[in-house]
Every structure is written in structure tokens, then in C-alpha cells.
Amino acid sequence: MARKVVEDPSEDLVASAKRERAERRGPFSRIALFLQQVINELKKVVTPTRRELFSYTGVVLAFVIVMMALVYGLDYGFGWLVAWVFGNGTLTQ
């Protein structure tokens, strides 16, 4: 059975954060530490290739179109059902 490798947050980053917290630094150094952690996390981000980006965009657009059609169909069907049950609002003489 294959082992699953999970990337943990870098231990040195966690250790330095704990050390910084223990030292009770001022507000500006806490902001600097936060920005440093943000930059370190942003370095881990993997951007998709151009081909993947177009593929993901197509999947999202197709899903949105299908959902719009589903909502439109339900709205039209419930509207017709309400008009059939309660009448269409016109008086018949």
C-alpha cells in the first residue's frame, strides 16, 4: 500500500512563529511576521498552465450554463403549475 505524503507547514516557520509569540514583540514586528508568513505561503502556490486555465474555464462555464437551464426550467415549471392551480389572474365572464 502506498503511503500518502502530506506537505506540512514548514517546521521552521511554525517554530519561528511560536518563538516570536513567546517573545511578545510589538505590533509592528507582529505585522512583519504576518507578512513574512504570507509571502512564504504564496511561494507554495502553483499556478495552472494556459491549457489548464482554459480547460477549467470551460468546465466552469458549462456548469453555469447547465445550472441556469435547470433553474430556468424549474422556474418555468413552477410558474405554469401555480398559474394552473390558482388561475392565470384574468377574470372569465
Protein backbone atom coordinates (compact mmCIF):
# COMPACT_ATOMS: atom_id res chain seq x y z
CA MET A 1 0.00 0.00 0.00
CA ALA A 2 1.35 3.41 -0.97
CA ARG A 3 1.93 6.00 1.69
CA LYS A 4 0.28 9.34 1.32
CA VAL A 5 2.76 12.18 1.55
CA VAL A 6 1.23 15.31 3.04
CA GLU A 7 3.14 18.55 2.95
CA ASP A 8 3.04 20.05 6.41
CA PRO A 9 3.70 23.70 7.01
CA SER A 10 7.41 24.18 7.20
CA GLU A 11 8.53 23.36 10.71
CA ASP A 12 10.95 26.25 10.83
CA LEU A 13 8.12 28.67 10.07
CA VAL A 14 5.95 27.21 12.82
CA ALA A 15 8.85 27.18 15.26
CA SER A 16 9.75 30.78 14.48
CA ALA A 17 6.11 31.81 14.91
CA LYS A 18 5.98 30.15 18.32
CA ARG A 19 9.27 31.74 19.27
CA GLU A 20 8.03 35.15 18.13
CA ARG A 21 4.84 34.70 20.13
CA ALA A 22 6.84 33.77 23.21
CA GLU A 23 8.96 36.90 22.93
CA ARG A 24 5.86 39.15 22.90
CA ARG A 25 7.04 41.52 20.22
CA GLY A 26 5.49 44.84 19.40
CA PRO A 27 2.69 45.44 16.90
CA PHE A 28 4.98 46.32 14.00
CA SER A 29 7.07 43.18 14.37
CA ARG A 30 3.87 41.11 14.52
CA ILE A 31 2.77 42.71 11.25
CA ALA A 32 6.19 41.97 9.74
CA LEU A 33 5.94 38.34 10.89
CA PHE A 34 2.46 38.07 9.38
CA LEU A 35 3.66 39.47 6.05
CA GLN A 36 6.63 37.10 6.07
CA GLN A 37 4.30 34.14 6.62
CA VAL A 38 2.01 35.35 3.83
CA ILE A 39 4.92 35.61 1.41
CA ASN A 40 6.16 32.13 2.39
CA GLU A 41 2.69 30.67 1.77
CA LEU A 42 2.36 32.48 -1.57
CA LYS A 43 5.63 30.89 -2.70
CA LYS A 44 3.92 27.49 -2.38
CA VAL A 45 1.12 28.40 -4.80
CA VAL A 46 1.22 26.56 -8.11
CA THR A 47 -0.34 28.47 -11.00
CA PRO A 48 -2.08 26.49 -13.75
CA THR A 49 -0.72 26.35 -17.26
CA ARG A 50 -2.51 28.16 -20.08
CA ARG A 51 -4.08 24.92 -21.26
CA GLU A 52 -5.30 24.02 -17.76
CA LEU A 53 -6.69 27.53 -17.30
CA PHE A 54 -8.76 27.30 -20.48
CA SER A 55 -9.92 23.82 -19.52
CA TYR A 56 -11.02 24.94 -16.04
CA THR A 57 -12.74 27.99 -17.51
CA GLY A 58 -14.67 25.80 -19.96
CA VAL A 59 -15.78 23.45 -17.20
CA VAL A 60 -16.98 26.35 -15.06
CA LEU A 61 -18.87 27.97 -17.95
CA ALA A 62 -20.52 24.66 -18.89
CA PHE A 63 -21.57 24.08 -15.27
CA VAL A 64 -23.01 27.60 -15.01
CA ILE A 65 -24.98 27.16 -18.25
CA VAL A 66 -26.38 23.82 -17.07
CA MET A 67 -27.38 25.31 -13.71
CA MET A 68 -29.00 28.30 -15.43
CA ALA A 69 -31.01 25.94 -17.63
CA LEU A 70 -32.06 23.90 -14.60
CA VAL A 71 -33.19 26.98 -12.64
CA TYR A 72 -34.99 28.36 -15.71
CA GLY A 73 -36.78 25.05 -16.23
CA LEU A 74 -37.84 24.81 -12.59
CA ASP A 75 -38.99 28.45 -12.58
CA TYR A 76 -41.00 27.97 -15.76
CA GLY A 77 -42.49 24.70 -14.50
CA PHE A 78 -43.47 26.09 -11.08
CA GLY A 79 -44.86 29.23 -12.74
CA TRP A 80 -47.02 27.10 -15.03
CA LEU A 81 -48.13 24.95 -12.07
CA VAL A 82 -49.12 28.00 -9.99
CA ALA A 83 -50.98 29.50 -12.93
CA TRP A 84 -52.80 26.20 -13.46
CA VAL A 85 -53.74 25.79 -9.76
CA PHE A 86 -54.72 29.38 -9.00
CA GLY A 87 -55.68 30.58 -12.46
CA ASN A 88 -53.82 33.00 -14.61
CA GLY A 89 -55.19 36.16 -12.96
CA THR A 90 -57.75 37.06 -15.62
CA LEU A 91 -61.45 37.21 -14.90
CA THR A 92 -63.63 35.00 -17.05
CA GLN A 93 -67.21 36.22 -17.74
